[in-house]
Amino acid sequence: MKDFHCCATCRHFKVEKKAERMKYHCSRLGFETKTNYKFNCWSPKEHVITLMNTDKSK
């Protein structure tokens, strides 16, 4: 899990392309974040769960 746990792999992570930069937002917490941040409320996306399960079976 430690290799997968970050905001970018969470289902609440949203990306918005602005003219000046990319904006990363957590729809659950309601504020801007960064791709590599980690919070205890992390809820992985479905494809990340699949990757974690595949990684455990090796």
PDB file of N, CA and C in Angstrom:
ATOM      1  N   MET A   1       0.822  -1.194   0.000  1.00  0.00           N
ATOM      2  CA  MET A   1       0.000   0.000   0.000  1.00  0.00           C
ATOM      3  C   MET A   1       0.866   1.258   0.000  1.00  0.00           C
ATOM      4  N   LYS A   2       2.020   1.216   0.644  1.00  0.00           N
ATOM      5  CA  LYS A   2       2.842   2.414   0.753  1.00  0.00           C
ATOM      6  C   LYS A   2       3.272   2.948  -0.606  1.00  0.00           C
ATOM      7  N   ASP A   3       3.410   2.084  -1.600  1.00  0.00           N
ATOM      8  CA  ASP A   3       3.798   2.534  -2.935  1.00  0.00           C
ATOM      9  C   ASP A   3       2.642   3.172  -3.699  1.00  0.00           C
ATOM     10  N   PHE A   4       1.427   2.928  -3.263  1.00  0.00           N
ATOM     11  CA  PHE A   4       0.248   3.419  -3.970  1.00  0.00           C
ATOM     12  C   PHE A   4      -0.430   4.593  -3.272  1.00  0.00           C
ATOM     13  N   HIS A   5      -0.216   4.734  -1.975  1.00  0.00           N
ATOM     14  CA  HIS A   5      -0.944   5.723  -1.185  1.00  0.00           C
ATOM     15  C   HIS A   5      -0.458   7.150  -1.467  1.00  0.00           C
ATOM     16  N   CYS A   6      -1.243   7.885  -2.217  1.00  0.00           N
ATOM     17  CA  CYS A   6      -1.023   9.315  -2.443  1.00  0.00           C
ATOM     18  C   CYS A   6      -2.303   9.891  -3.045  1.00  0.00           C
ATOM     19  N   CYS A   7      -2.434  11.198  -3.024  1.00  0.00           N
ATOM     20  CA  CYS A   7      -3.660  11.839  -3.509  1.00  0.00           C
ATOM     21  C   CYS A   7      -3.973  11.491  -4.965  1.00  0.00           C
ATOM     22  N   ALA A   8      -2.970  11.388  -5.797  1.00  0.00           N
ATOM     23  CA  ALA A   8      -3.201  11.129  -7.223  1.00  0.00           C
ATOM     24  C   ALA A   8      -3.897   9.792  -7.472  1.00  0.00           C
ATOM     25  N   THR A   9      -3.822   8.848  -6.540  1.00  0.00           N
ATOM     26  CA  THR A   9      -4.459   7.541  -6.720  1.00  0.00           C
ATOM     27  C   THR A   9      -5.797   7.437  -5.992  1.00  0.00           C
ATOM     28  N   CYS A  10      -6.266   8.528  -5.402  1.00  0.00           N
ATOM     29  CA  CYS A  10      -7.521   8.537  -4.656  1.00  0.00           C
ATOM     30  C   CYS A  10      -8.700   8.877  -5.577  1.00  0.00           C
ATOM     31  N   ARG A  11      -9.840   8.273  -5.295  1.00  0.00           N
ATOM     32  CA  ARG A  11     -11.033   8.516  -6.121  1.00  0.00           C
ATOM     33  C   ARG A  11     -11.584   9.934  -5.962  1.00  0.00           C
ATOM     34  N   HIS A  12     -11.165  10.649  -4.945  1.00  0.00           N
ATOM     35  CA  HIS A  12     -11.631  12.020  -4.711  1.00  0.00           C
ATOM     36  C   HIS A  12     -10.719  13.068  -5.339  1.00  0.00           C
ATOM     37  N   PHE A  13      -9.637  12.632  -5.940  1.00  0.00           N
ATOM     38  CA  PHE A  13      -8.658  13.530  -6.553  1.00  0.00           C
ATOM     39  C   PHE A  13      -9.171  14.013  -7.908  1.00  0.00           C
ATOM     40  N   LYS A  14      -9.233  15.322  -8.086  1.00  0.00           N
ATOM     41  CA  LYS A  14      -9.733  15.922  -9.328  1.00  0.00           C
ATOM     42  C   LYS A  14      -8.662  16.837  -9.921  1.00  0.00           C
ATOM     43  N   VAL A  15      -8.590  16.858 -11.243  1.00  0.00           N
ATOM     44  CA  VAL A  15      -7.621  17.694 -11.948  1.00  0.00           C
ATOM     45  C   VAL A  15      -8.375  18.677 -12.827  1.00  0.00           C
ATOM     46  N   GLU A  16      -7.954  19.921 -12.771  1.00  0.00           N
ATOM     47  CA  GLU A  16      -8.554  20.955 -13.605  1.00  0.00           C
ATOM     48  C   GLU A  16      -7.434  21.694 -14.321  1.00  0.00           C
ATOM     49  N   LYS A  17      -7.510  21.741 -15.640  1.00  0.00           N
ATOM     50  CA  LYS A  17      -6.483  22.412 -16.420  1.00  0.00           C
ATOM     51  C   LYS A  17      -6.829  23.892 -16.548  1.00  0.00           C
ATOM     52  N   LYS A  18      -5.968  24.715 -16.010  1.00  0.00           N
ATOM     53  CA  LYS A  18      -6.120  26.169 -16.092  1.00  0.00           C
ATOM     54  C   LYS A  18      -5.124  26.694 -17.113  1.00  0.00           C
ATOM     55  N   ALA A  19      -5.331  27.905 -17.585  1.00  0.00           N
ATOM     56  CA  ALA A  19      -4.424  28.501 -18.571  1.00  0.00           C
ATOM     57  C   ALA A  19      -3.015  28.635 -18.010  1.00  0.00           C
ATOM     58  N   GLU A  20      -2.912  28.964 -16.728  1.00  0.00           N
ATOM     59  CA  GLU A  20      -1.604  29.203 -16.135  1.00  0.00           C
ATOM     60  C   GLU A  20      -0.958  27.956 -15.526  1.00  0.00           C
ATOM     61  N   ARG A  21      -1.775  26.972 -15.105  1.00  0.00           N
ATOM     62  CA  ARG A  21      -1.233  25.765 -14.479  1.00  0.00           C
ATOM     63  C   ARG A  21      -2.332  24.727 -14.291  1.00  0.00           C
ATOM     64  N   MET A  22      -1.920  23.543 -13.867  1.00  0.00           N
ATOM     65  CA  MET A  22      -2.865  22.493 -13.510  1.00  0.00           C
ATOM     66  C   MET A  22      -3.294  22.721 -12.055  1.00  0.00           C
ATOM     67  N   LYS A  23      -4.580  22.497 -11.781  1.00  0.00           N
ATOM     68  CA  LYS A  23      -5.096  22.644 -10.424  1.00  0.00           C
ATOM     69  C   LYS A  23      -5.528  21.263  -9.936  1.00  0.00           C
ATOM     70  N   TYR A  24      -4.996  20.854  -8.790  1.00  0.00           N
ATOM     71  CA  TYR A  24      -5.323  19.566  -8.191  1.00  0.00           C
ATOM     72  C   TYR A  24      -6.186  19.825  -6.967  1.00  0.00           C
ATOM     73  N   HIS A  25      -7.311  19.117  -6.875  1.00  0.00           N
ATOM     74  CA  HIS A  25      -8.319  19.410  -5.867  1.00  0.00           C
ATOM     75  C   HIS A  25      -8.849  18.107  -5.272  1.00  0.00           C
ATOM     76  N   CYS A  26      -9.077  18.110  -3.982  1.00  0.00           N
ATOM     77  CA  CYS A  26      -9.718  16.977  -3.314  1.00  0.00           C
ATOM     78  C   CYS A  26     -11.200  17.300  -3.164  1.00  0.00           C
ATOM     79  N   SER A  27     -12.044  16.543  -3.836  1.00  0.00           N
ATOM     80  CA  SER A  27     -13.480  16.805  -3.768  1.00  0.00           C
ATOM     81  C   SER A  27     -14.062  16.418  -2.411  1.00  0.00           C
ATOM     82  N   ARG A  28     -13.411  15.547  -1.687  1.00  0.00           N
ATOM     83  CA  ARG A  28     -13.894  15.130  -0.371  1.00  0.00           C
ATOM     84  C   ARG A  28     -13.544  16.160   0.708  1.00  0.00           C
ATOM     85  N   LEU A  29     -12.289  16.599   0.724  1.00  0.00           N
ATOM     86  CA  LEU A  29     -11.845  17.549   1.747  1.00  0.00           C
ATOM     87  C   LEU A  29     -12.150  18.990   1.373  1.00  0.00           C
ATOM     88  N   GLY A  30     -12.271  19.257   0.069  1.00  0.00           N
ATOM     89  CA  GLY A  30     -12.663  20.575  -0.396  1.00  0.00           C
ATOM     90  C   GLY A  30     -11.552  21.597  -0.513  1.00  0.00           C
ATOM     91  N   PHE A  31     -10.326  21.156  -0.731  1.00  0.00           N
ATOM     92  CA  PHE A  31      -9.249  22.117  -0.912  1.00  0.00           C
ATOM     93  C   PHE A  31      -8.222  21.618  -1.914  1.00  0.00           C
ATOM     94  N   GLU A  32      -7.343  22.527  -2.334  1.00  0.00           N
ATOM     95  CA  GLU A  32      -6.285  22.152  -3.274  1.00  0.00           C
ATOM     96  C   GLU A  32      -5.304  21.216  -2.595  1.00  0.00           C
ATOM     97  N   THR A  33      -4.744  20.334  -3.381  1.00  0.00           N
ATOM     98  CA  THR A  33      -3.775  19.369  -2.884  1.00  0.00           C
ATOM     99  C   THR A  33      -2.687  19.201  -3.931  1.00  0.00           C
ATOM    100  N   LYS A  34      -1.790  18.300  -3.707  1.00  0.00           N
ATOM    101  CA  LYS A  34      -0.754  17.958  -4.677  1.00  0.00           C
ATOM    102  C   LYS A  34      -0.791  16.459  -4.897  1.00  0.00           C
ATOM    103  N   THR A  35      -0.253  16.032  -6.019  1.00  0.00           N
ATOM    104  CA  THR A  35      -0.320  14.616  -6.388  1.00  0.00           C
ATOM    105  C   THR A  35       0.338  13.701  -5.374  1.00  0.00           C
ATOM    106  N   ASN A  36       1.402  14.138  -4.731  1.00  0.00           N
ATOM    107  CA  ASN A  36       2.144  13.269  -3.822  1.00  0.00           C
ATOM    108  C   ASN A  36       1.742  13.403  -2.357  1.00  0.00           C
ATOM    109  N   TYR A  37       0.783  14.247  -2.030  1.00  0.00           N
ATOM    110  CA  TYR A  37       0.327  14.378  -0.648  1.00  0.00           C
ATOM    111  C   TYR A  37      -0.362  13.095  -0.202  1.00  0.00           C
ATOM    112  N   LYS A  38      -0.377  12.866   1.112  1.00  0.00           N
ATOM    113  CA  LYS A  38      -1.021  11.680   1.682  1.00  0.00           C
ATOM    114  C   LYS A  38      -1.901  12.099   2.855  1.00  0.00           C
ATOM    115  N   PHE A  39      -3.141  11.607   2.865  1.00  0.00           N
ATOM    116  CA  PHE A  39      -4.071  11.878   3.958  1.00  0.00           C
ATOM    117  C   PHE A  39      -4.671  10.559   4.436  1.00  0.00           C
ATOM    118  N   ASN A  40      -5.137  10.510   5.658  1.00  0.00           N
ATOM    119  CA  ASN A  40      -5.713   9.292   6.224  1.00  0.00           C
ATOM    120  C   ASN A  40      -7.059   8.932   5.604  1.00  0.00           C
ATOM    121  N   CYS A  41      -7.679   9.851   4.898  1.00  0.00           N
ATOM    122  CA  CYS A  41      -8.992   9.589   4.295  1.00  0.00           C
ATOM    123  C   CYS A  41      -8.865   8.962   2.906  1.00  0.00           C
ATOM    124  N   TRP A  42      -7.671   8.555   2.524  1.00  0.00           N
ATOM    125  CA  TRP A  42      -7.399   8.009   1.195  1.00  0.00           C
ATOM    126  C   TRP A  42      -8.337   6.864   0.855  1.00  0.00           C
ATOM    127  N   SER A  43      -8.948   6.959  -0.320  1.00  0.00           N
ATOM    128  CA  SER A  43      -9.850   5.934  -0.830  1.00  0.00           C
ATOM    129  C   SER A  43      -9.421   5.627  -2.268  1.00  0.00           C
ATOM    130  N   PRO A  44      -8.679   4.541  -2.481  1.00  0.00           N
ATOM    131  CA  PRO A  44      -8.068   4.290  -3.790  1.00  0.00           C
ATOM    132  C   PRO A  44      -9.077   4.052  -4.914  1.00  0.00           C
ATOM    133  N   LYS A  45      -8.667   4.443  -6.119  1.00  0.00           N
ATOM    134  CA  LYS A  45      -9.462   4.195  -7.318  1.00  0.00           C
ATOM    135  C   LYS A  45      -9.474   2.700  -7.600  1.00  0.00           C
ATOM    136  N   GLU A  46     -10.461   2.238  -8.360  1.00  0.00           N
ATOM    137  CA  GLU A  46     -10.632   0.810  -8.637  1.00  0.00           C
ATOM    138  C   GLU A  46      -9.386   0.183  -9.273  1.00  0.00           C
ATOM    139  N   HIS A  47      -8.787   0.868 -10.253  1.00  0.00           N
ATOM    140  CA  HIS A  47      -7.610   0.283 -10.911  1.00  0.00           C
ATOM    141  C   HIS A  47      -6.407   0.214  -9.968  1.00  0.00           C
ATOM    142  N   VAL A  48      -6.362   1.080  -8.974  1.00  0.00           N
ATOM    143  CA  VAL A  48      -5.287   1.038  -7.980  1.00  0.00           C
ATOM    144  C   VAL A  48      -5.494  -0.151  -7.046  1.00  0.00           C
ATOM    145  N   ILE A  49      -6.727  -0.424  -6.682  1.00  0.00           N
ATOM    146  CA  ILE A  49      -7.040  -1.593  -5.855  1.00  0.00           C
ATOM    147  C   ILE A  49      -6.604  -2.862  -6.579  1.00  0.00           C
ATOM    148  N   THR A  50      -6.896  -2.931  -7.874  1.00  0.00           N
ATOM    149  CA  THR A  50      -6.496  -4.085  -8.677  1.00  0.00           C
ATOM    150  C   THR A  50      -4.971  -4.229  -8.690  1.00  0.00           C
ATOM    151  N   LEU A  51      -4.260  -3.117  -8.864  1.00  0.00           N
ATOM    152  CA  LEU A  51      -2.805  -3.146  -8.858  1.00  0.00           C
ATOM    153  C   LEU A  51      -2.254  -3.585  -7.511  1.00  0.00           C
ATOM    154  N   MET A  52      -2.856  -3.109  -6.428  1.00  0.00           N
ATOM    155  CA  MET A  52      -2.404  -3.505  -5.090  1.00  0.00           C
ATOM    156  C   MET A  52      -2.613  -4.993  -4.862  1.00  0.00           C
ATOM    157  N   ASN A  53      -3.757  -5.514  -5.303  1.00  0.00           N
ATOM    158  CA  ASN A  53      -4.042  -6.939  -5.144  1.00  0.00           C
ATOM    159  C   ASN A  53      -3.089  -7.782  -5.991  1.00  0.00           C
ATOM    160  N   THR A  54      -2.763  -7.315  -7.180  1.00  0.00           N
ATOM    161  CA  THR A  54      -1.824  -8.022  -8.045  1.00  0.00           C
ATOM    162  C   THR A  54      -0.434  -8.016  -7.410  1.00  0.00           C
ATOM    163  N   ASP A  55      -0.064  -6.906  -6.825  1.00  0.00           N
ATOM    164  CA  ASP A  55       1.244  -6.767  -6.178  1.00  0.00           C
ATOM    165  C   ASP A  55       1.362  -7.687  -4.969  1.00  0.00           C
ATOM    166  N   LYS A  56       0.274  -7.887  -4.218  1.00  0.00           N
ATOM    167  CA  LYS A  56       0.275  -8.760  -3.044  1.00  0.00           C
ATOM    168  C   LYS A  56       0.422 -10.226  -3.431  1.00  0.00           C
ATOM    169  N   SER A  57      -0.100 -10.596  -4.577  1.00  0.00           N
ATOM    170  CA  SER A  57      -0.078 -12.014  -4.975  1.00  0.00           C
ATOM    171  C   SER A  57       1.278 -12.460  -5.502  1.00  0.00           C
ATOM    172  N   LYS A  58       2.195 -11.527  -5.707  1.00  0.00           N
ATOM    173  CA  LYS A  58       3.536 -11.894  -6.214  1.00  0.00           C
ATOM    174  C   LYS A  58       4.426 -12.377  -5.108  1.00  0.00           C
TER     175      LYS A  58
END
